[in-house]
N, C-alpha and C. Protein backbone atom coordinates (compact mmCIF):
# COMPACT_ATOMS: atom_id res chain seq x y z
N MET A 1 4.87 -17.04 -14.75
CA MET A 1 4.87 -16.40 -13.43
C MET A 1 3.94 -15.19 -13.48
N THR A 2 3.17 -15.02 -12.42
CA THR A 2 2.27 -13.87 -12.34
C THR A 2 2.61 -13.07 -11.08
N LEU A 3 2.92 -11.80 -11.28
CA LEU A 3 3.27 -10.91 -10.18
C LEU A 3 2.08 -10.09 -9.74
N GLY A 4 2.15 -9.59 -8.52
CA GLY A 4 1.26 -8.55 -8.06
C GLY A 4 2.08 -7.29 -7.90
N LEU A 5 1.67 -6.21 -8.52
CA LEU A 5 2.44 -4.97 -8.51
C LEU A 5 1.60 -3.86 -7.87
N GLY A 6 2.17 -3.20 -6.87
CA GLY A 6 1.48 -2.13 -6.16
C GLY A 6 1.61 -0.81 -6.90
N SER A 7 2.05 0.23 -6.19
CA SER A 7 2.18 1.54 -6.81
C SER A 7 3.26 2.33 -6.08
N GLY A 8 3.59 3.48 -6.64
CA GLY A 8 4.61 4.33 -6.04
C GLY A 8 5.90 4.36 -6.84
N ARG A 9 6.73 5.36 -6.57
CA ARG A 9 7.93 5.58 -7.37
C ARG A 9 8.91 4.42 -7.32
N ALA A 10 9.13 3.87 -6.13
CA ALA A 10 10.08 2.76 -6.01
C ALA A 10 9.60 1.56 -6.81
N LEU A 11 8.32 1.27 -6.75
CA LEU A 11 7.76 0.13 -7.48
C LEU A 11 7.82 0.37 -8.98
N TRP A 12 7.55 1.60 -9.41
CA TRP A 12 7.59 1.90 -10.84
C TRP A 12 9.01 1.76 -11.39
N ARG A 13 10.00 2.15 -10.60
CA ARG A 13 11.39 1.95 -11.03
C ARG A 13 11.72 0.47 -11.09
N LEU A 14 11.20 -0.30 -10.15
CA LEU A 14 11.43 -1.74 -10.15
C LEU A 14 10.83 -2.38 -11.40
N ILE A 15 9.68 -1.91 -11.85
CA ILE A 15 9.08 -2.43 -13.07
C ILE A 15 10.04 -2.25 -14.25
N GLU A 16 10.67 -1.09 -14.33
CA GLU A 16 11.63 -0.85 -15.40
C GLU A 16 12.79 -1.83 -15.33
N LEU A 17 13.29 -2.09 -14.14
CA LEU A 17 14.41 -3.01 -13.98
C LEU A 17 14.01 -4.45 -14.31
N ILE A 18 12.81 -4.84 -13.92
CA ILE A 18 12.32 -6.17 -14.27
C ILE A 18 12.28 -6.33 -15.78
N ALA A 19 11.77 -5.31 -16.47
CA ALA A 19 11.66 -5.37 -17.92
C ALA A 19 13.04 -5.50 -18.57
N GLU A 20 14.05 -4.83 -17.98
CA GLU A 20 15.40 -4.88 -18.54
C GLU A 20 16.03 -6.27 -18.37
N ARG A 21 15.72 -6.95 -17.29
CA ARG A 21 16.41 -8.19 -16.94
C ARG A 21 15.63 -9.46 -17.25
N TRP A 22 14.32 -9.34 -17.47
CA TRP A 22 13.53 -10.54 -17.73
C TRP A 22 13.88 -11.08 -19.11
N PRO A 23 14.06 -12.41 -19.25
CA PRO A 23 14.45 -12.99 -20.55
C PRO A 23 13.47 -12.62 -21.66
N GLN A 24 14.01 -12.19 -22.78
CA GLN A 24 13.16 -11.81 -23.90
C GLN A 24 12.34 -13.01 -24.37
N GLY A 25 11.06 -12.80 -24.62
CA GLY A 25 10.20 -13.86 -25.10
C GLY A 25 9.56 -14.68 -24.00
N SER A 26 10.01 -14.52 -22.77
CA SER A 26 9.40 -15.25 -21.66
C SER A 26 8.16 -14.51 -21.18
N PRO A 27 7.05 -15.22 -21.03
CA PRO A 27 5.82 -14.54 -20.63
C PRO A 27 5.89 -14.07 -19.17
N LEU A 28 5.52 -12.84 -18.95
CA LEU A 28 5.44 -12.30 -17.59
C LEU A 28 4.12 -11.54 -17.48
N LYS A 29 3.31 -11.96 -16.52
CA LYS A 29 2.00 -11.35 -16.32
C LYS A 29 1.97 -10.70 -14.95
N ALA A 30 1.09 -9.74 -14.80
CA ALA A 30 0.97 -9.06 -13.51
C ALA A 30 -0.45 -8.56 -13.29
N VAL A 31 -0.88 -8.66 -12.06
CA VAL A 31 -2.06 -7.96 -11.57
C VAL A 31 -1.58 -6.67 -10.95
N VAL A 32 -2.20 -5.56 -11.26
CA VAL A 32 -1.72 -4.26 -10.79
C VAL A 32 -2.74 -3.61 -9.87
N ALA A 33 -2.23 -2.75 -8.99
CA ALA A 33 -3.07 -2.15 -7.96
C ALA A 33 -3.54 -0.74 -8.30
N SER A 34 -3.07 -0.17 -9.40
CA SER A 34 -3.52 1.18 -9.77
C SER A 34 -3.45 1.35 -11.27
N ASP A 35 -4.22 2.29 -11.78
CA ASP A 35 -4.22 2.58 -13.21
C ASP A 35 -2.85 3.09 -13.66
N ARG A 36 -2.18 3.85 -12.81
CA ARG A 36 -0.86 4.38 -13.17
C ARG A 36 0.16 3.26 -13.28
N THR A 37 0.06 2.27 -12.39
CA THR A 37 0.97 1.13 -12.48
C THR A 37 0.68 0.31 -13.73
N ALA A 38 -0.59 0.19 -14.10
CA ALA A 38 -0.95 -0.54 -15.32
C ALA A 38 -0.28 0.08 -16.54
N GLU A 39 -0.28 1.39 -16.62
CA GLU A 39 0.35 2.07 -17.76
C GLU A 39 1.83 1.75 -17.84
N ARG A 40 2.51 1.78 -16.69
CA ARG A 40 3.94 1.52 -16.66
C ARG A 40 4.26 0.06 -16.94
N ALA A 41 3.45 -0.84 -16.44
CA ALA A 41 3.67 -2.26 -16.69
C ALA A 41 3.51 -2.59 -18.17
N GLU A 42 2.47 -2.07 -18.78
CA GLU A 42 2.24 -2.34 -20.20
C GLU A 42 3.34 -1.75 -21.05
N ALA A 43 3.84 -0.56 -20.67
CA ALA A 43 4.94 0.06 -21.41
C ALA A 43 6.22 -0.77 -21.30
N ALA A 44 6.35 -1.52 -20.20
CA ALA A 44 7.53 -2.36 -19.99
C ALA A 44 7.37 -3.75 -20.60
N GLY A 45 6.26 -4.00 -21.26
CA GLY A 45 6.04 -5.28 -21.91
C GLY A 45 5.47 -6.35 -21.00
N ILE A 46 4.95 -5.96 -19.84
CA ILE A 46 4.33 -6.90 -18.91
C ILE A 46 2.84 -6.95 -19.21
N LYS A 47 2.30 -8.15 -19.35
CA LYS A 47 0.88 -8.31 -19.65
C LYS A 47 0.07 -8.12 -18.38
N VAL A 48 -0.83 -7.15 -18.39
CA VAL A 48 -1.68 -6.88 -17.23
C VAL A 48 -2.92 -7.76 -17.30
N VAL A 49 -3.18 -8.50 -16.22
CA VAL A 49 -4.31 -9.42 -16.17
C VAL A 49 -5.18 -9.08 -14.97
N ALA A 50 -6.40 -9.58 -14.98
CA ALA A 50 -7.34 -9.32 -13.90
C ALA A 50 -7.09 -10.27 -12.73
N LEU A 51 -7.48 -9.84 -11.55
CA LEU A 51 -7.40 -10.69 -10.37
C LEU A 51 -8.72 -11.45 -10.27
N GLY A 52 -8.78 -12.55 -11.02
CA GLY A 52 -10.01 -13.31 -11.11
C GLY A 52 -10.20 -14.28 -9.95
N ASP A 53 -11.30 -14.97 -9.98
CA ASP A 53 -11.64 -15.92 -8.93
C ASP A 53 -10.61 -17.04 -8.86
N GLY A 54 -10.06 -17.26 -7.67
CA GLY A 54 -9.11 -18.35 -7.47
C GLY A 54 -7.70 -18.06 -7.93
N VAL A 55 -7.42 -16.87 -8.44
CA VAL A 55 -6.07 -16.54 -8.89
C VAL A 55 -5.14 -16.43 -7.68
N ARG A 56 -3.99 -17.09 -7.77
CA ARG A 56 -2.98 -17.03 -6.72
C ARG A 56 -1.70 -16.48 -7.34
N LEU A 57 -1.25 -15.33 -6.87
CA LEU A 57 -0.07 -14.68 -7.42
C LEU A 57 1.19 -15.29 -6.82
N ASP A 58 2.23 -15.41 -7.64
CA ASP A 58 3.49 -15.98 -7.16
C ASP A 58 4.20 -15.04 -6.19
N LEU A 59 4.14 -13.76 -6.48
CA LEU A 59 4.88 -12.77 -5.68
C LEU A 59 4.23 -11.41 -5.82
N ALA A 60 4.05 -10.72 -4.71
CA ALA A 60 3.59 -9.33 -4.73
C ALA A 60 4.76 -8.42 -4.36
N LEU A 61 4.90 -7.34 -5.09
CA LEU A 61 5.95 -6.35 -4.86
C LEU A 61 5.28 -4.99 -4.69
N ASP A 62 5.69 -4.27 -3.64
CA ASP A 62 5.08 -2.96 -3.42
C ASP A 62 5.98 -2.13 -2.53
N GLY A 63 5.75 -0.84 -2.52
CA GLY A 63 6.47 0.07 -1.65
C GLY A 63 5.75 0.23 -0.32
N ALA A 64 6.19 1.21 0.46
CA ALA A 64 5.56 1.50 1.75
C ALA A 64 5.90 2.93 2.14
N ASP A 65 5.00 3.54 2.91
CA ASP A 65 5.25 4.88 3.43
C ASP A 65 6.05 4.82 4.72
N GLU A 66 5.83 3.77 5.51
CA GLU A 66 6.61 3.51 6.71
C GLU A 66 6.79 2.01 6.87
N VAL A 67 7.94 1.62 7.42
CA VAL A 67 8.25 0.21 7.67
C VAL A 67 8.73 0.10 9.11
N ALA A 68 8.05 -0.69 9.92
CA ALA A 68 8.47 -0.93 11.30
C ALA A 68 9.41 -2.13 11.36
N PRO A 69 10.20 -2.27 12.43
CA PRO A 69 11.13 -3.40 12.53
C PRO A 69 10.48 -4.77 12.41
N ASP A 70 9.20 -4.90 12.80
CA ASP A 70 8.50 -6.18 12.67
C ASP A 70 7.81 -6.33 11.32
N LEU A 71 8.10 -5.41 10.39
CA LEU A 71 7.55 -5.37 9.03
C LEU A 71 6.07 -4.99 9.00
N GLY A 72 5.58 -4.39 10.07
CA GLY A 72 4.31 -3.69 9.97
C GLY A 72 4.50 -2.48 9.07
N LEU A 73 3.49 -2.15 8.28
CA LEU A 73 3.61 -1.08 7.29
C LEU A 73 2.48 -0.08 7.41
N ILE A 74 2.76 1.16 7.02
CA ILE A 74 1.73 2.11 6.62
C ILE A 74 1.84 2.28 5.12
N LYS A 75 0.71 2.11 4.42
CA LYS A 75 0.65 2.30 2.99
C LYS A 75 -0.58 3.14 2.66
N GLY A 76 -0.60 3.70 1.46
CA GLY A 76 -1.74 4.47 1.01
C GLY A 76 -1.43 5.90 0.66
N GLY A 77 -0.15 6.28 0.73
CA GLY A 77 0.22 7.64 0.34
C GLY A 77 -0.13 7.94 -1.11
N GLY A 78 -0.14 6.89 -1.94
CA GLY A 78 -0.49 7.06 -3.35
C GLY A 78 -1.95 6.81 -3.64
N ALA A 79 -2.77 6.67 -2.60
CA ALA A 79 -4.23 6.55 -2.71
C ALA A 79 -4.70 5.24 -3.33
N ALA A 80 -3.86 4.19 -3.25
CA ALA A 80 -4.25 2.90 -3.85
C ALA A 80 -4.28 1.78 -2.81
N LEU A 81 -4.49 2.12 -1.55
CA LEU A 81 -4.32 1.13 -0.48
C LEU A 81 -5.32 -0.02 -0.57
N LEU A 82 -6.55 0.22 -0.98
CA LEU A 82 -7.53 -0.86 -1.06
C LEU A 82 -7.10 -1.89 -2.10
N ARG A 83 -6.80 -1.45 -3.30
CA ARG A 83 -6.37 -2.38 -4.34
C ARG A 83 -5.05 -3.05 -3.95
N GLU A 84 -4.15 -2.30 -3.32
CA GLU A 84 -2.88 -2.88 -2.91
C GLU A 84 -3.09 -4.02 -1.92
N LYS A 85 -3.98 -3.84 -0.97
CA LYS A 85 -4.22 -4.90 0.01
C LYS A 85 -4.87 -6.11 -0.64
N LEU A 86 -5.75 -5.88 -1.60
CA LEU A 86 -6.37 -6.99 -2.32
C LEU A 86 -5.32 -7.79 -3.09
N VAL A 87 -4.41 -7.10 -3.76
CA VAL A 87 -3.37 -7.78 -4.53
C VAL A 87 -2.44 -8.56 -3.61
N ILE A 88 -2.00 -7.92 -2.53
CA ILE A 88 -1.08 -8.58 -1.59
C ILE A 88 -1.74 -9.81 -0.97
N SER A 89 -3.01 -9.72 -0.65
CA SER A 89 -3.71 -10.83 -0.01
C SER A 89 -3.87 -12.02 -0.93
N ALA A 90 -3.71 -11.81 -2.24
CA ALA A 90 -3.83 -12.90 -3.21
C ALA A 90 -2.48 -13.52 -3.56
N ALA A 91 -1.40 -13.07 -2.91
CA ALA A 91 -0.06 -13.52 -3.28
C ALA A 91 0.51 -14.53 -2.28
N LYS A 92 1.32 -15.44 -2.78
CA LYS A 92 2.01 -16.40 -1.92
C LYS A 92 3.06 -15.71 -1.05
N ARG A 93 3.72 -14.69 -1.62
CA ARG A 93 4.76 -13.96 -0.91
C ARG A 93 4.60 -12.47 -1.19
N PHE A 94 4.99 -11.64 -0.22
CA PHE A 94 4.94 -10.19 -0.38
C PHE A 94 6.28 -9.61 0.05
N VAL A 95 6.93 -8.90 -0.88
CA VAL A 95 8.22 -8.26 -0.63
C VAL A 95 8.06 -6.75 -0.77
N VAL A 96 8.54 -6.02 0.21
CA VAL A 96 8.48 -4.56 0.21
C VAL A 96 9.76 -4.01 -0.41
N VAL A 97 9.62 -3.01 -1.26
CA VAL A 97 10.76 -2.33 -1.86
C VAL A 97 10.63 -0.84 -1.53
N ALA A 98 11.58 -0.31 -0.76
CA ALA A 98 11.49 1.08 -0.33
C ALA A 98 12.89 1.61 -0.03
N GLU A 99 12.95 2.80 0.59
CA GLU A 99 14.22 3.40 0.99
C GLU A 99 14.39 3.28 2.50
N THR A 100 15.63 3.32 2.96
CA THR A 100 15.87 3.20 4.40
C THR A 100 15.23 4.33 5.20
N SER A 101 14.95 5.45 4.55
CA SER A 101 14.30 6.57 5.24
C SER A 101 12.89 6.22 5.69
N LYS A 102 12.32 5.14 5.14
CA LYS A 102 10.96 4.73 5.50
C LYS A 102 10.93 3.88 6.77
N LEU A 103 12.10 3.49 7.29
CA LEU A 103 12.16 2.65 8.48
C LEU A 103 11.94 3.49 9.73
N VAL A 104 10.99 3.07 10.58
CA VAL A 104 10.65 3.80 11.81
C VAL A 104 10.58 2.81 12.97
N GLU A 105 10.65 3.34 14.19
CA GLU A 105 10.52 2.48 15.37
C GLU A 105 9.08 2.09 15.61
N ARG A 106 8.15 3.03 15.40
CA ARG A 106 6.72 2.75 15.56
C ARG A 106 5.95 3.44 14.44
N LEU A 107 5.01 2.73 13.88
CA LEU A 107 4.23 3.30 12.78
C LEU A 107 3.50 4.56 13.23
N GLY A 108 3.51 5.53 12.33
CA GLY A 108 2.87 6.81 12.60
C GLY A 108 3.84 7.91 12.97
N GLU A 109 5.14 7.59 13.05
CA GLU A 109 6.14 8.60 13.42
C GLU A 109 6.27 9.70 12.38
N THR A 110 6.26 9.33 11.11
CA THR A 110 6.55 10.31 10.06
C THR A 110 5.43 10.44 9.03
N HIS A 111 4.45 9.56 9.08
CA HIS A 111 3.44 9.55 8.02
C HIS A 111 2.07 9.31 8.63
N ALA A 112 1.08 10.02 8.10
CA ALA A 112 -0.30 9.81 8.54
C ALA A 112 -0.81 8.45 8.06
N LEU A 113 -1.80 7.94 8.75
CA LEU A 113 -2.45 6.69 8.35
C LEU A 113 -3.62 6.99 7.43
N PRO A 114 -3.58 6.54 6.17
CA PRO A 114 -4.73 6.74 5.29
C PRO A 114 -5.86 5.78 5.66
N VAL A 115 -7.07 6.30 5.67
CA VAL A 115 -8.27 5.50 5.88
C VAL A 115 -9.21 5.81 4.74
N GLU A 116 -9.57 4.78 3.98
CA GLU A 116 -10.43 4.96 2.80
C GLU A 116 -11.89 4.82 3.23
N VAL A 117 -12.70 5.82 2.87
CA VAL A 117 -14.11 5.85 3.30
C VAL A 117 -15.02 6.09 2.10
N VAL A 118 -16.27 5.66 2.23
CA VAL A 118 -17.24 5.92 1.17
C VAL A 118 -17.59 7.41 1.16
N ARG A 119 -17.98 7.90 0.00
CA ARG A 119 -18.31 9.32 -0.13
C ARG A 119 -19.55 9.71 0.66
N PHE A 120 -20.56 8.84 0.61
CA PHE A 120 -21.83 9.16 1.25
C PHE A 120 -21.63 9.33 2.76
N ALA A 121 -22.04 10.47 3.28
CA ALA A 121 -21.97 10.77 4.72
C ALA A 121 -20.55 10.60 5.26
N TRP A 122 -19.56 11.02 4.47
CA TRP A 122 -18.18 10.80 4.89
C TRP A 122 -17.86 11.56 6.18
N ALA A 123 -18.50 12.70 6.39
CA ALA A 123 -18.22 13.48 7.60
C ALA A 123 -18.66 12.71 8.85
N GLN A 124 -19.75 11.95 8.74
CA GLN A 124 -20.17 11.13 9.87
C GLN A 124 -19.20 9.98 10.09
N THR A 125 -18.70 9.42 9.00
CA THR A 125 -17.68 8.37 9.14
C THR A 125 -16.44 8.94 9.81
N ARG A 126 -16.05 10.15 9.43
CA ARG A 126 -14.90 10.80 10.06
C ARG A 126 -15.12 10.94 11.56
N ALA A 127 -16.32 11.30 11.97
CA ALA A 127 -16.61 11.43 13.40
C ALA A 127 -16.43 10.10 14.12
N ARG A 128 -16.83 9.01 13.48
CA ARG A 128 -16.64 7.69 14.09
C ARG A 128 -15.17 7.32 14.15
N VAL A 129 -14.42 7.68 13.10
CA VAL A 129 -12.98 7.42 13.10
C VAL A 129 -12.29 8.18 14.23
N LEU A 130 -12.76 9.39 14.50
CA LEU A 130 -12.17 10.21 15.56
C LEU A 130 -12.44 9.65 16.96
N ASP A 131 -13.34 8.71 17.07
CA ASP A 131 -13.50 8.00 18.34
C ASP A 131 -12.34 7.05 18.59
N LEU A 132 -11.61 6.71 17.51
CA LEU A 132 -10.50 5.76 17.60
C LEU A 132 -9.13 6.41 17.45
N LEU A 133 -9.08 7.53 16.74
CA LEU A 133 -7.81 8.16 16.40
C LEU A 133 -7.83 9.64 16.79
N PRO A 134 -6.66 10.21 17.10
CA PRO A 134 -6.63 11.59 17.58
C PRO A 134 -6.90 12.66 16.53
N ALA A 135 -6.72 12.35 15.26
CA ALA A 135 -6.96 13.34 14.20
C ALA A 135 -7.26 12.62 12.90
N ALA A 136 -8.11 13.25 12.07
CA ALA A 136 -8.48 12.67 10.78
C ALA A 136 -8.89 13.80 9.85
N GLU A 137 -8.10 14.02 8.80
CA GLU A 137 -8.36 15.12 7.87
C GLU A 137 -8.60 14.59 6.47
N LEU A 138 -9.60 15.14 5.80
CA LEU A 138 -9.90 14.75 4.43
C LEU A 138 -8.72 15.13 3.53
N ARG A 139 -8.26 14.16 2.73
CA ARG A 139 -7.15 14.45 1.81
C ARG A 139 -7.66 15.22 0.60
N GLU A 140 -6.98 16.32 0.28
CA GLU A 140 -7.36 17.14 -0.87
C GLU A 140 -6.24 17.14 -1.90
N GLY A 141 -6.64 17.25 -3.17
CA GLY A 141 -5.68 17.43 -4.25
C GLY A 141 -5.54 18.92 -4.49
N GLU A 142 -6.37 19.44 -5.38
CA GLU A 142 -6.48 20.88 -5.54
C GLU A 142 -7.25 21.44 -4.34
N PRO A 143 -6.98 22.68 -3.94
CA PRO A 143 -7.70 23.25 -2.81
C PRO A 143 -9.21 23.14 -2.98
N GLY A 144 -9.85 22.58 -1.96
CA GLY A 144 -11.29 22.43 -1.99
C GLY A 144 -11.79 21.23 -2.78
N SER A 145 -10.87 20.43 -3.32
CA SER A 145 -11.25 19.27 -4.12
C SER A 145 -10.64 18.02 -3.51
N PRO A 146 -11.46 17.08 -3.02
CA PRO A 146 -10.92 15.90 -2.37
C PRO A 146 -10.26 14.94 -3.35
N VAL A 147 -9.25 14.23 -2.89
CA VAL A 147 -8.65 13.14 -3.67
C VAL A 147 -9.66 12.00 -3.73
N VAL A 148 -9.85 11.44 -4.92
CA VAL A 148 -10.76 10.31 -5.11
C VAL A 148 -9.94 9.11 -5.56
N THR A 149 -10.12 7.98 -4.90
CA THR A 149 -9.36 6.78 -5.23
C THR A 149 -9.85 6.17 -6.54
N ASP A 150 -9.10 5.18 -7.06
CA ASP A 150 -9.51 4.49 -8.28
C ASP A 150 -10.87 3.81 -8.12
N GLU A 151 -11.24 3.49 -6.89
CA GLU A 151 -12.53 2.85 -6.64
C GLU A 151 -13.63 3.87 -6.31
N GLY A 152 -13.31 5.18 -6.39
CA GLY A 152 -14.31 6.21 -6.21
C GLY A 152 -14.56 6.62 -4.77
N HIS A 153 -13.64 6.29 -3.86
CA HIS A 153 -13.80 6.63 -2.45
C HIS A 153 -12.97 7.84 -2.07
N LEU A 154 -13.16 8.31 -0.84
CA LEU A 154 -12.38 9.41 -0.28
C LEU A 154 -11.36 8.87 0.71
N LEU A 155 -10.39 9.71 1.07
CA LEU A 155 -9.34 9.32 2.00
C LEU A 155 -9.29 10.29 3.18
N LEU A 156 -9.19 9.73 4.37
CA LEU A 156 -8.89 10.50 5.57
C LEU A 156 -7.45 10.21 5.97
N ASP A 157 -6.65 11.25 6.17
CA ASP A 157 -5.28 11.07 6.67
C ASP A 157 -5.31 11.28 8.18
N CYS A 158 -4.94 10.24 8.91
CA CYS A 158 -5.18 10.18 10.35
C CYS A 158 -3.87 10.07 11.14
N ALA A 159 -3.88 10.67 12.32
CA ALA A 159 -2.76 10.51 13.25
C ALA A 159 -2.95 9.21 14.03
N LEU A 160 -1.85 8.50 14.25
CA LEU A 160 -1.89 7.29 15.06
C LEU A 160 -1.54 7.62 16.50
N PRO A 161 -2.12 6.93 17.46
CA PRO A 161 -1.73 7.16 18.87
C PRO A 161 -0.29 6.72 19.10
N GLU A 162 0.35 7.32 20.10
CA GLU A 162 1.75 7.01 20.37
C GLU A 162 1.95 5.69 21.08
N SER A 163 0.87 5.10 21.57
CA SER A 163 0.97 3.81 22.24
C SER A 163 -0.29 3.01 21.94
N GLY A 164 -0.29 1.76 22.35
CA GLY A 164 -1.46 0.92 22.12
C GLY A 164 -1.20 -0.15 21.09
N ASP A 165 -2.10 -1.10 21.03
CA ASP A 165 -1.99 -2.26 20.14
C ASP A 165 -2.50 -1.88 18.75
N LEU A 166 -1.61 -1.86 17.77
CA LEU A 166 -2.00 -1.46 16.42
C LEU A 166 -2.87 -2.51 15.74
N ALA A 167 -2.65 -3.78 16.08
CA ALA A 167 -3.48 -4.83 15.50
C ALA A 167 -4.93 -4.69 15.97
N GLU A 168 -5.10 -4.36 17.23
CA GLU A 168 -6.45 -4.14 17.75
C GLU A 168 -7.09 -2.91 17.11
N LEU A 169 -6.28 -1.86 16.91
CA LEU A 169 -6.77 -0.65 16.24
C LEU A 169 -7.19 -0.97 14.81
N ALA A 170 -6.39 -1.77 14.12
CA ALA A 170 -6.70 -2.14 12.74
C ALA A 170 -8.05 -2.84 12.66
N ARG A 171 -8.32 -3.74 13.59
CA ARG A 171 -9.61 -4.44 13.60
C ARG A 171 -10.76 -3.48 13.89
N ALA A 172 -10.54 -2.53 14.80
CA ALA A 172 -11.59 -1.58 15.13
C ALA A 172 -11.90 -0.67 13.94
N LEU A 173 -10.88 -0.21 13.25
CA LEU A 173 -11.10 0.63 12.07
C LEU A 173 -11.86 -0.13 10.99
N LYS A 174 -11.45 -1.37 10.76
CA LYS A 174 -12.10 -2.18 9.73
C LYS A 174 -13.57 -2.39 10.04
N GLY A 175 -13.92 -2.42 11.31
CA GLY A 175 -15.30 -2.64 11.71
C GLY A 175 -16.12 -1.36 11.83
N THR A 176 -15.55 -0.22 11.46
CA THR A 176 -16.25 1.06 11.58
C THR A 176 -17.13 1.29 10.36
N VAL A 177 -18.38 1.60 10.58
CA VAL A 177 -19.32 1.84 9.48
C VAL A 177 -18.84 3.00 8.62
N GLY A 178 -18.79 2.78 7.32
CA GLY A 178 -18.34 3.81 6.38
C GLY A 178 -16.88 3.67 5.98
N VAL A 179 -16.10 2.92 6.76
CA VAL A 179 -14.69 2.69 6.42
C VAL A 179 -14.61 1.51 5.46
N VAL A 180 -13.93 1.72 4.34
CA VAL A 180 -13.74 0.66 3.35
C VAL A 180 -12.47 -0.14 3.67
N GLU A 181 -11.38 0.58 3.94
CA GLU A 181 -10.10 -0.06 4.24
C GLU A 181 -9.19 0.96 4.91
N HIS A 182 -8.12 0.47 5.51
CA HIS A 182 -7.15 1.36 6.16
C HIS A 182 -5.74 0.97 5.72
N GLY A 183 -4.79 1.85 5.98
CA GLY A 183 -3.44 1.67 5.50
C GLY A 183 -2.50 0.95 6.44
N LEU A 184 -3.01 0.29 7.48
CA LEU A 184 -2.17 -0.58 8.31
C LEU A 184 -2.07 -1.94 7.64
N PHE A 185 -0.87 -2.29 7.23
CA PHE A 185 -0.60 -3.58 6.60
C PHE A 185 0.26 -4.37 7.59
N LEU A 186 -0.39 -5.19 8.39
CA LEU A 186 0.27 -5.88 9.49
C LEU A 186 0.31 -7.38 9.22
N GLY A 187 1.49 -7.98 9.43
CA GLY A 187 1.63 -9.41 9.28
C GLY A 187 1.54 -9.90 7.85
N LEU A 188 1.79 -9.05 6.87
CA LEU A 188 1.66 -9.43 5.47
C LEU A 188 3.01 -9.58 4.76
N ALA A 189 3.98 -8.76 5.12
CA ALA A 189 5.27 -8.76 4.41
C ALA A 189 6.19 -9.85 4.93
N GLU A 190 6.92 -10.46 4.02
CA GLU A 190 7.91 -11.48 4.35
C GLU A 190 9.29 -10.86 4.54
N VAL A 191 9.60 -9.88 3.71
CA VAL A 191 10.91 -9.24 3.75
C VAL A 191 10.78 -7.83 3.16
N ALA A 192 11.63 -6.91 3.64
CA ALA A 192 11.70 -5.56 3.07
C ALA A 192 13.11 -5.34 2.55
N LEU A 193 13.22 -4.87 1.34
CA LEU A 193 14.49 -4.50 0.72
C LEU A 193 14.55 -2.98 0.69
N LEU A 194 15.42 -2.42 1.55
CA LEU A 194 15.46 -0.97 1.74
C LEU A 194 16.75 -0.42 1.16
N GLY A 195 16.61 0.43 0.16
CA GLY A 195 17.77 1.00 -0.50
C GLY A 195 18.42 2.11 0.32
N ARG A 196 19.75 2.07 0.38
CA ARG A 196 20.53 3.11 1.07
C ARG A 196 21.03 4.14 0.07
N ASP A 197 21.44 5.28 0.58
CA ASP A 197 21.95 6.35 -0.28
C ASP A 197 23.21 5.93 -1.03
N ASP A 198 23.99 5.00 -0.44
CA ASP A 198 25.24 4.57 -1.09
C ASP A 198 25.02 3.49 -2.14
N GLY A 199 23.77 3.15 -2.40
CA GLY A 199 23.47 2.13 -3.40
C GLY A 199 23.31 0.74 -2.83
N GLY A 200 23.63 0.56 -1.55
CA GLY A 200 23.46 -0.73 -0.92
C GLY A 200 22.01 -0.99 -0.55
N VAL A 201 21.76 -2.19 -0.05
CA VAL A 201 20.40 -2.60 0.33
C VAL A 201 20.42 -3.16 1.74
N GLU A 202 19.53 -2.65 2.58
CA GLU A 202 19.33 -3.20 3.91
C GLU A 202 18.14 -4.14 3.86
N VAL A 203 18.34 -5.36 4.35
CA VAL A 203 17.30 -6.38 4.31
C VAL A 203 16.70 -6.52 5.71
N VAL A 204 15.39 -6.38 5.79
CA VAL A 204 14.66 -6.55 7.05
C VAL A 204 13.69 -7.71 6.86
N ARG A 205 13.79 -8.71 7.72
CA ARG A 205 12.93 -9.90 7.62
C ARG A 205 11.96 -9.95 8.78
N ALA A 206 10.80 -10.54 8.52
CA ALA A 206 9.83 -10.73 9.59
C ALA A 206 10.36 -11.73 10.60
N ASP A 207 10.04 -11.52 11.88
CA ASP A 207 10.49 -12.43 12.94
C ASP A 207 9.87 -13.81 12.77
């Protein structure tokens, strides 16, 4: 079996649990979406493999920054959204693992939308993004130092409009010159497993 593993605290904890419960001696391979996830997977005894030509993953597991009732997601808080979308797109099934606090009525209520852009002329790309979205700010790590993704790009954290078709917005963003990828993950998840404070799990399925 070959898994696709995203990134984030919930996913990293899940890796530990998989390692505890997977039968000893049984081969388990995974394609990972970030260097930090690769470190944790290898420490758990999971063989990290490349996402080569024609590879089809049995299952992708990942967290989310926001989860809508229709299983639309915002992802990218951990700066790995491009690789995460590539991994998810190569999987037969995609299951979200998160907390119930991530459930919202409409995407954008509690979390900005990450938009990954190329470094060259990023300010001009930001201006084009602002034609579509009400706000877009360069993500910084240390003051004055932008966050750089594993693929060497920059991130804009953007406000979503309070109304409108998000699928149409996703297509418009994807078609914007300078934009590499965005954090709207629509129509990809099959089910979300959302942990409650009492230890229970709320299951949300796609319609």
